[in-house]
Amino acid sequence: MKALITGTSAGIGRACAELFLQRGWHVYGFDIASASIAHAEYEHFVVDVRDRAAFPAGLEPDVIVNNAGVQGADDIAVNLQGTINITEAYAFVGDFPAAKPAPWIRSVVNIGSASGQTGSEFPEYAASKGGILSYTKNVANRLAPQGICNSVDPGGVLTELNRPVMDDAAM
């Protein structure tokens, strides 16, 4: 089994990649930073989720975990458009509206945020995560009955990305 996980150099993405590797999966990791995982079944690609033209060809993941994200600059472009770019490139064959589920895809997991549900925190961040919720429903409809798509929407998680919020008593 093969998983494609974005944002694997730190935080939630790295933890997801390590879990898949522990369970015997082959993992394709995408990040703008260098690899932080060394494992025989891990392939790291330094790639920006905003740049679909730079995505490596020929990957056929069974599972996609869209985790890459930012808080601040480029929230919509990275968090939402990056999720769309990865999913459309690797979970579907062809272009919308004629795109069909890729024969290998079984599941897409989008890492959202409680902010997408509540509108809390920064406007662009909340909007990007709210967009992920809507896009998740779109993908779920298009993948069924072959595969599934869900959003996991954690609250505050202590990662370097979220540290400014977690360390600010007002936030």
Protein backbone atom coordinates (compact mmCIF):
# COMPACT_ATOMS: atom_id res chain seq x y z
CA MET A 1 0.00 0.00 0.00
CA LYS A 2 1.18 3.51 -0.80
CA ALA A 3 0.34 6.84 0.85
CA LEU A 4 1.05 10.35 -0.38
CA ILE A 5 1.30 12.79 2.53
CA THR A 6 1.94 16.51 2.24
CA GLY A 7 3.78 18.56 4.83
CA THR A 8 5.89 15.65 6.08
CA SER A 9 8.93 17.54 7.35
CA ALA A 10 7.32 18.46 10.68
CA GLY A 11 4.22 18.35 12.84
CA ILE A 12 1.09 16.42 11.93
CA GLY A 13 2.38 15.42 8.49
CA ARG A 14 5.55 13.91 9.86
CA ALA A 15 3.58 12.02 12.53
CA CYS A 16 1.21 10.68 9.86
CA ALA A 17 4.12 9.55 7.67
CA GLU A 18 5.81 7.81 10.60
CA LEU A 19 2.57 5.98 11.48
CA PHE A 20 2.08 4.74 7.90
CA LEU A 21 5.72 3.62 7.78
CA GLN A 22 5.34 1.75 11.10
CA ARG A 23 2.39 -0.07 9.56
CA GLY A 24 4.42 -1.22 6.56
CA TRP A 25 3.28 1.29 3.94
CA HIS A 26 5.39 2.98 1.28
CA VAL A 27 5.14 6.77 1.82
CA TYR A 28 5.63 9.57 -0.67
CA GLY A 29 6.30 12.73 1.35
CA PHE A 30 5.85 16.20 -0.13
CA ASP A 31 7.19 19.32 1.57
CA ILE A 32 8.91 22.57 0.68
CA ALA A 33 11.53 21.66 3.29
CA SER A 34 14.09 18.88 3.14
CA ALA A 35 13.30 15.40 4.44
CA SER A 36 13.27 14.84 8.17
CA ILE A 37 12.51 11.13 7.88
CA ALA A 38 15.02 8.46 6.90
CA HIS A 39 13.36 5.13 6.12
CA ALA A 40 13.72 2.60 3.30
CA GLU A 41 10.04 2.95 2.38
CA TYR A 42 10.00 6.77 2.46
CA GLU A 43 10.46 8.87 -0.69
CA HIS A 44 10.72 12.61 -0.13
CA PHE A 45 9.94 15.19 -2.77
CA VAL A 46 10.78 18.87 -2.22
CA VAL A 47 7.72 20.33 -3.89
CA ASP A 48 5.35 23.24 -3.34
CA VAL A 49 1.69 22.17 -3.30
CA ARG A 50 0.83 25.44 -5.05
CA ASP A 51 2.80 24.40 -8.15
CA ARG A 52 0.96 21.49 -9.77
CA ALA A 53 3.29 21.60 -12.79
CA ALA A 54 6.20 20.59 -10.50
CA PHE A 55 4.48 17.47 -9.09
CA PRO A 56 6.28 14.19 -9.82
CA ALA A 57 4.52 12.00 -12.37
CA GLY A 58 3.75 8.32 -12.05
CA LEU A 59 2.77 8.17 -8.36
CA GLU A 60 -0.26 5.99 -7.67
CA PRO A 61 -1.15 6.38 -3.98
CA ASP A 62 -3.90 4.31 -2.40
CA VAL A 63 -4.33 7.03 0.23
CA ILE A 64 -3.71 10.78 0.14
CA VAL A 65 -3.33 12.82 3.32
CA ASN A 66 -3.51 16.53 2.51
CA ASN A 67 -1.77 18.10 5.46
CA ALA A 68 0.51 20.85 4.11
CA GLY A 69 -0.54 24.15 5.59
CA VAL A 70 0.43 27.59 6.73
CA GLN A 71 -0.93 30.17 9.12
CA GLY A 72 -0.49 33.72 7.91
CA ALA A 73 0.81 34.34 4.41
CA ASP A 74 -0.69 32.35 1.54
CA ASP A 75 -3.35 30.54 3.61
CA ILE A 76 -5.79 30.19 0.71
CA ALA A 77 -3.09 29.26 -1.84
CA VAL A 78 -1.35 26.63 0.34
CA ASN A 79 -4.11 25.26 2.57
CA LEU A 80 -7.02 25.20 0.14
CA GLN A 81 -5.61 25.41 -3.39
CA GLY A 82 -2.75 23.07 -2.45
CA THR A 83 -5.25 20.49 -1.20
CA ILE A 84 -7.20 20.81 -4.45
CA ASN A 85 -4.02 20.58 -6.55
CA ILE A 86 -2.79 17.39 -4.89
CA THR A 87 -6.17 15.69 -4.91
CA GLU A 88 -6.98 16.50 -8.52
CA ALA A 89 -3.48 15.44 -9.63
CA TYR A 90 -3.35 12.08 -7.84
CA ALA A 91 -6.90 10.96 -6.99
CA PHE A 92 -8.47 11.64 -10.39
CA VAL A 93 -7.68 10.89 -14.01
CA GLY A 94 -8.60 13.59 -16.51
CA ASP A 95 -9.73 17.12 -15.96
CA PHE A 96 -12.88 18.33 -14.25
CA PRO A 97 -15.74 17.93 -15.09
CA ALA A 98 -14.86 14.72 -16.96
CA ALA A 99 -12.36 13.52 -14.33
CA LYS A 100 -12.89 10.02 -12.98
CA PRO A 101 -11.44 8.46 -9.82
CA ALA A 102 -7.98 7.05 -10.46
CA PRO A 103 -8.13 3.23 -10.37
CA TRP A 104 -5.66 3.07 -7.45
CA ILE A 105 -7.24 5.63 -5.09
CA ARG A 106 -9.10 4.37 -2.03
CA SER A 107 -9.13 7.29 0.40
CA VAL A 108 -8.42 11.00 0.66
CA VAL A 109 -8.00 12.56 4.10
CA ASN A 110 -7.94 16.34 4.33
CA ILE A 111 -6.49 17.88 7.47
CA GLY A 112 -8.79 20.76 8.24
CA SER A 113 -9.15 22.66 11.47
CA ALA A 114 -11.75 23.47 14.06
CA SER A 115 -11.35 27.02 12.71
CA GLY A 116 -13.06 25.88 9.52
CA GLN A 117 -16.09 24.91 11.61
CA THR A 118 -16.13 27.89 13.98
CA GLY A 119 -14.58 30.72 11.96
CA SER A 120 -12.16 31.37 14.84
CA GLU A 121 -8.66 32.77 14.45
CA PHE A 122 -7.35 34.56 11.38
CA PRO A 123 -9.83 35.36 8.56
CA GLU A 124 -7.84 33.82 5.69
CA TYR A 125 -6.91 30.75 7.74
CA ALA A 126 -10.51 30.13 8.81
CA ALA A 127 -11.70 30.62 5.22
CA SER A 128 -9.07 28.23 3.85
CA LYS A 129 -10.05 25.53 6.32
CA GLY A 130 -13.77 26.15 5.74
CA GLY A 131 -13.08 25.71 2.03
CA ILE A 132 -11.43 22.38 2.78
CA LEU A 133 -14.68 21.20 4.40
CA SER A 134 -16.67 22.07 1.29
CA TYR A 135 -14.07 20.59 -1.05
CA THR A 136 -14.05 17.39 1.04
CA LYS A 137 -17.77 16.96 0.37
CA ASN A 138 -17.15 17.54 -3.35
CA VAL A 139 -14.42 14.89 -3.48
CA ALA A 140 -16.47 12.42 -1.42
CA ASN A 141 -19.30 12.69 -3.95
CA ARG A 142 -16.94 12.25 -6.90
CA LEU A 143 -15.00 9.29 -5.41
CA ALA A 144 -18.03 7.28 -4.30
CA PRO A 145 -18.54 4.36 -4.39
CA GLN A 146 -14.90 3.49 -5.19
CA GLY A 147 -13.32 5.47 -2.40
CA ILE A 148 -13.94 7.80 0.50
CA CYS A 149 -12.94 11.32 1.45
CA ASN A 150 -13.03 12.76 4.95
CA SER A 151 -11.78 15.81 6.76
CA VAL A 152 -10.09 15.56 10.14
CA ASP A 153 -10.51 18.88 11.92
CA PRO A 154 -8.36 19.13 15.05
CA GLY A 155 -8.48 21.98 17.51
CA GLY A 156 -5.29 23.59 18.79
CA VAL A 157 -2.31 21.31 18.22
CA LEU A 158 1.08 22.28 19.60
CA THR A 159 3.24 22.39 16.49
CA GLU A 160 5.76 25.01 15.42
CA LEU A 161 3.21 26.35 12.93
CA ASN A 162 0.62 26.81 15.66
CA ARG A 163 3.00 27.91 18.44
CA PRO A 164 2.25 31.66 18.01
CA VAL A 165 -1.44 30.99 18.66
CA MET A 166 -0.90 28.48 21.48
CA ASP A 167 1.59 30.76 23.25
CA ASP A 168 -0.67 33.84 23.05
CA ALA A 169 -3.10 33.94 26.00
CA ALA A 170 -5.49 36.17 24.04
CA MET A 171 -5.71 33.64 21.21
